[in-house]
Structures are given as structure tokens and as C-alpha cells.
């Protein structure tokens, strides 16, 4: 395999990121994770790519929360959407 050909096997770093990225939405919403919160924080401190993805999840979480507030305010009285 030459330097131009990508490896068929994911790197250990990629495998580790995949493990943490699969838990980012849960981390943002403070639900139970498949990894410890300490492990997640350590990984995020060391991995700019995962940190960027976390920030995107946080933004989505904020926007959905704001949208939910708008829906509740605009719902007719007695309508518990």
C-alpha cells in the first residue's frame, strides 16, 4: 500500500472517536452514557473534532428547547403539547 492509498482499517483514534461520538447527544441532554462522563470530558479536551461536533449538538439542543418554548406559548389554553 502506498502513501496515497487510504488504509482499509480504521485507526485506533478513529475507533475511539466513534465510541465517544455515539454518546455526544446523550452527553448534551445529560442522559446515561455508554462511557463515563469523566472519560468523555477527557476525550473532548484532547480531540478538537469531537469538541466541534459537541458544540453542534449543543446548538441543536438549545434551538430545540427554544422552539419548544415557542410552541408552548402559542398553544391554545389547555393544550399541553
Protein backbone atom coordinates (compact mmCIF):
# COMPACT_ATOMS: atom_id res chain seq x y z
CA UNK A 1 0.00 0.00 0.00
CA UNK A 2 1.46 3.40 -0.93
CA UNK A 3 1.10 6.72 0.90
CA UNK A 4 -1.73 7.79 -1.42
CA UNK A 5 -3.94 4.76 -0.70
CA UNK A 6 -6.16 5.11 2.38
CA UNK A 7 -5.99 2.32 4.92
CA UNK A 8 -8.83 -0.21 4.92
CA UNK A 9 -8.69 -0.49 8.71
CA UNK A 10 -9.92 2.41 10.87
CA UNK A 11 -7.19 3.86 13.05
CA UNK A 12 -7.37 3.38 16.83
CA UNK A 13 -8.02 7.12 17.15
CA UNK A 14 -10.97 6.86 14.77
CA UNK A 15 -12.36 3.90 16.73
CA UNK A 16 -12.06 5.88 19.96
CA UNK A 17 -13.75 8.94 18.45
CA UNK A 18 -16.56 6.79 17.07
CA UNK A 19 -17.16 5.42 20.57
CA UNK A 20 -17.40 8.92 22.04
CA UNK A 21 -19.32 10.50 19.17
CA UNK A 22 -22.06 7.92 19.51
CA UNK A 23 -22.65 9.35 23.01
CA UNK A 24 -22.49 13.09 22.29
CA UNK A 25 -26.24 13.68 22.07
CA UNK A 26 -26.72 11.83 25.36
CA UNK A 27 -23.93 13.88 26.94
CA UNK A 28 -25.61 17.15 25.91
CA UNK A 29 -29.01 16.06 27.22
CA UNK A 30 -27.41 14.73 30.44
CA UNK A 31 -28.68 11.19 29.91
CA UNK A 32 -26.84 7.97 30.79
CA UNK A 33 -23.84 7.38 28.56
CA UNK A 34 -22.12 4.29 27.27
CA UNK A 35 -18.91 5.80 28.72
CA UNK A 36 -18.20 7.72 31.92
CA UNK A 37 -18.65 11.48 31.90
CA UNK A 38 -15.03 11.83 33.07
CA UNK A 39 -13.82 9.78 30.08
CA UNK A 40 -16.00 11.90 27.80
CA UNK A 41 -14.60 15.18 29.17
CA UNK A 42 -11.01 13.93 28.85
CA UNK A 43 -11.58 12.89 25.27
CA UNK A 44 -13.22 16.21 24.41
CA UNK A 45 -10.28 18.12 25.91
CA UNK A 46 -7.90 16.20 23.64
CA UNK A 47 -9.98 15.93 20.45
CA UNK A 48 -10.88 19.14 18.57
CA UNK A 49 -13.04 17.26 16.03
CA UNK A 50 -15.26 15.72 18.70
CA UNK A 51 -15.42 19.06 20.54
CA UNK A 52 -16.69 20.75 17.35
CA UNK A 53 -19.33 18.06 16.97
CA UNK A 54 -20.32 18.51 20.63
CA UNK A 55 -20.81 22.24 20.04
CA UNK A 56 -23.08 21.45 17.09
CA UNK A 57 -25.17 19.15 19.31
CA UNK A 58 -25.34 21.85 21.99
CA UNK A 59 -26.57 24.38 19.44
CA UNK A 60 -29.24 21.97 18.19
CA UNK A 61 -30.29 21.24 21.77
CA UNK A 62 -30.64 24.98 22.51
CA UNK A 63 -32.61 25.61 19.33
CA UNK A 64 -34.98 22.72 20.02
CA UNK A 65 -35.51 23.99 23.56
CA UNK A 66 -36.33 27.47 22.26
CA UNK A 67 -38.69 26.01 19.66
CA UNK A 68 -40.48 24.02 22.37
CA UNK A 69 -40.98 27.22 24.40
CA UNK A 70 -42.46 28.98 21.38
CA UNK A 71 -44.84 26.08 20.77
CA UNK A 72 -45.98 26.06 24.40
CA UNK A 73 -46.58 29.82 24.38
CA UNK A 74 -48.54 29.66 21.13
CA UNK A 75 -50.66 26.64 22.14
CA UNK A 76 -54.31 27.38 22.98
CA UNK A 77 -55.12 27.28 26.71
CA UNK A 78 -55.44 23.72 27.95
CA UNK A 79 -53.42 22.29 25.07
CA UNK A 80 -50.41 20.53 26.63
CA UNK A 81 -48.25 19.90 23.60
